[in-house]
Amino acid sequence: MATRTTTKAPSGDRQVARKTGFTKGGVNPPAPREDVAANTRPRLLPEERQRLIAETAYFIAERRGFAAGWELEDWLQAEAEVNRRLRGASPD
């Protein structure tokens, strides 16, 4: 019976990673995206924030039946809600 001789593969994880792009333990994590810095969010323009507040205030007023005299309260509530959403907090 013929025996098969094998040559030993390069040792070490670096050799494997260099040739395949993977380490022995599994898949390497993806590289961070270059176009987005870590832990940063895109900046919202003041006009966009104002539009979000106005739309939110409209929907708040709509839920209330557009009763007159509550415009300022609707706006302030909408502003607080938009600020919470932009910070990543969940609404009440």
C-alpha atoms as a PDB file:
ATOM      1  CA  MET A   1       0.000   0.000   0.000  1.00  0.00           C
ATOM      2  CA  ALA A   2       1.377   3.352  -0.946  1.00  0.00           C
ATOM      3  CA  THR A   3       1.649   6.012   1.665  1.00  0.00           C
ATOM      4  CA  ARG A   4       1.098   9.584   0.929  1.00  0.00           C
ATOM      5  CA  THR A   5       3.611  12.105   2.086  1.00  0.00           C
ATOM      6  CA  THR A   6       2.462  15.576   2.840  1.00  0.00           C
ATOM      7  CA  THR A   7       4.370  18.710   3.333  1.00  0.00           C
ATOM      8  CA  LYS A   8       3.581  20.743   6.374  1.00  0.00           C
ATOM      9  CA  ALA A   9       1.635  23.917   5.681  1.00  0.00           C
ATOM     10  CA  PRO A  10       2.999  27.212   6.955  1.00  0.00           C
ATOM     11  CA  SER A  11       2.344  27.450  10.653  1.00  0.00           C
ATOM     12  CA  GLY A  12       0.668  30.255  12.492  1.00  0.00           C
ATOM     13  CA  ASP A  13      -2.551  32.155  12.088  1.00  0.00           C
ATOM     14  CA  ARG A  14      -0.812  34.982  10.273  1.00  0.00           C
ATOM     15  CA  GLN A  15       0.123  32.727   7.378  1.00  0.00           C
ATOM     16  CA  VAL A  16      -3.455  31.481   7.075  1.00  0.00           C
ATOM     17  CA  ALA A  17      -4.888  34.984   7.376  1.00  0.00           C
ATOM     18  CA  ARG A  18      -2.425  36.344   4.838  1.00  0.00           C
ATOM     19  CA  LYS A  19      -3.342  33.738   2.227  1.00  0.00           C
ATOM     20  CA  THR A  20      -7.091  33.479   2.769  1.00  0.00           C
ATOM     21  CA  GLY A  21      -8.117  36.657   4.535  1.00  0.00           C
ATOM     22  CA  PHE A  22      -9.545  34.590   7.392  1.00  0.00           C
ATOM     23  CA  THR A  23      -8.148  33.499  10.720  1.00  0.00           C
ATOM     24  CA  LYS A  24      -8.377  29.935  12.019  1.00  0.00           C
ATOM     25  CA  GLY A  25     -11.050  30.920  14.530  1.00  0.00           C
ATOM     26  CA  GLY A  26     -13.524  32.075  11.922  1.00  0.00           C
ATOM     27  CA  VAL A  27     -14.387  35.049   9.805  1.00  0.00           C
ATOM     28  CA  ASN A  28     -12.629  38.313  10.465  1.00  0.00           C
ATOM     29  CA  PRO A  29     -14.944  41.163  11.442  1.00  0.00           C
ATOM     30  CA  PRO A  30     -15.662  43.610   8.638  1.00  0.00           C
ATOM     31  CA  ALA A  31     -13.376  46.585   8.373  1.00  0.00           C
ATOM     32  CA  PRO A  32     -14.912  49.881   9.516  1.00  0.00           C
ATOM     33  CA  ARG A  33     -16.388  51.944   6.750  1.00  0.00           C
ATOM     34  CA  GLU A  34     -14.097  54.740   5.754  1.00  0.00           C
ATOM     35  CA  ASP A  35     -16.895  57.139   4.807  1.00  0.00           C
ATOM     36  CA  VAL A  36     -18.497  57.054   8.267  1.00  0.00           C
ATOM     37  CA  ALA A  37     -16.448  57.801  11.353  1.00  0.00           C
ATOM     38  CA  ALA A  38     -17.019  55.549  14.368  1.00  0.00           C
ATOM     39  CA  ASN A  39     -19.689  56.668  16.850  1.00  0.00           C
ATOM     40  CA  THR A  40     -20.879  59.600  14.771  1.00  0.00           C
ATOM     41  CA  ARG A  41     -24.263  60.336  13.326  1.00  0.00           C
ATOM     42  CA  PRO A  42     -24.967  62.412  10.274  1.00  0.00           C
ATOM     43  CA  ARG A  43     -25.633  66.025  11.174  1.00  0.00           C
ATOM     44  CA  LEU A  44     -29.196  67.209  10.703  1.00  0.00           C
ATOM     45  CA  LEU A  45     -29.543  70.591   9.058  1.00  0.00           C
ATOM     46  CA  PRO A  46     -31.579  73.144  11.044  1.00  0.00           C
ATOM     47  CA  GLU A  47     -34.130  73.318   8.211  1.00  0.00           C
ATOM     48  CA  GLU A  48     -34.611  69.539   8.309  1.00  0.00           C
ATOM     49  CA  ARG A  49     -35.053  69.588  12.102  1.00  0.00           C
ATOM     50  CA  GLN A  50     -37.584  72.429  11.773  1.00  0.00           C
ATOM     51  CA  ARG A  51     -39.511  70.417   9.158  1.00  0.00           C
ATOM     52  CA  LEU A  52     -39.585  67.346  11.419  1.00  0.00           C
ATOM     53  CA  ILE A  53     -40.920  69.444  14.296  1.00  0.00           C
ATOM     54  CA  ALA A  54     -43.582  71.052  12.089  1.00  0.00           C
ATOM     55  CA  GLU A  55     -44.764  67.676  10.769  1.00  0.00           C
ATOM     56  CA  THR A  56     -44.834  66.187  14.254  1.00  0.00           C
ATOM     57  CA  ALA A  57     -46.779  69.197  15.581  1.00  0.00           C
ATOM     58  CA  TYR A  58     -49.275  68.773  12.751  1.00  0.00           C
ATOM     59  CA  PHE A  59     -49.902  65.130  13.654  1.00  0.00           C
ATOM     60  CA  ILE A  60     -50.236  66.001  17.340  1.00  0.00           C
ATOM     61  CA  ALA A  61     -52.842  68.645  16.458  1.00  0.00           C
ATOM     62  CA  GLU A  62     -54.599  66.209  14.132  1.00  0.00           C
ATOM     63  CA  ARG A  63     -54.940  63.645  16.954  1.00  0.00           C
ATOM     64  CA  ARG A  64     -56.520  66.383  19.063  1.00  0.00           C
ATOM     65  CA  GLY A  65     -58.972  67.329  16.302  1.00  0.00           C
ATOM     66  CA  PHE A  66     -57.192  70.622  15.463  1.00  0.00           C
ATOM     67  CA  ALA A  67     -58.713  72.367  18.473  1.00  0.00           C
ATOM     68  CA  ALA A  68     -57.704  76.025  18.444  1.00  0.00           C
ATOM     69  CA  GLY A  69     -55.530  77.543  21.156  1.00  0.00           C
ATOM     70  CA  TRP A  70     -53.076  74.650  21.542  1.00  0.00           C
ATOM     71  CA  GLU A  71     -50.593  75.561  18.815  1.00  0.00           C
ATOM     72  CA  LEU A  72     -47.717  76.474  21.148  1.00  0.00           C
ATOM     73  CA  GLU A  73     -48.211  73.369  23.283  1.00  0.00           C
ATOM     74  CA  ASP A  74     -48.317  71.211  20.143  1.00  0.00           C
ATOM     75  CA  TRP A  75     -45.084  72.779  18.900  1.00  0.00           C
ATOM     76  CA  LEU A  76     -43.275  72.343  22.227  1.00  0.00           C
ATOM     77  CA  GLN A  77     -44.421  68.734  22.533  1.00  0.00           C
ATOM     78  CA  ALA A  78     -43.320  68.060  18.951  1.00  0.00           C
ATOM     79  CA  GLU A  79     -39.942  69.684  19.584  1.00  0.00           C
ATOM     80  CA  ALA A  80     -39.384  67.519  22.667  1.00  0.00           C
ATOM     81  CA  GLU A  81     -40.411  64.387  20.758  1.00  0.00           C
ATOM     82  CA  VAL A  82     -38.090  65.137  17.823  1.00  0.00           C
ATOM     83  CA  ASN A  83     -35.210  65.859  20.215  1.00  0.00           C
ATOM     84  CA  ARG A  84     -35.780  62.504  21.939  1.00  0.00           C
ATOM     85  CA  ARG A  85     -35.825  60.689  18.609  1.00  0.00           C
ATOM     86  CA  LEU A  86     -32.655  62.418  17.441  1.00  0.00           C
ATOM     87  CA  ARG A  87     -30.885  61.439  20.660  1.00  0.00           C
ATOM     88  CA  GLY A  88     -32.022  57.847  20.164  1.00  0.00           C
ATOM     89  CA  ALA A  89     -34.365  57.658  23.156  1.00  0.00           C
ATOM     90  CA  SER A  90     -37.737  56.016  22.765  1.00  0.00           C
ATOM     91  CA  PRO A  91     -40.851  58.189  23.040  1.00  0.00           C
ATOM     92  CA  ASP A  92     -42.968  57.951  26.207  1.00  0.00           C
END
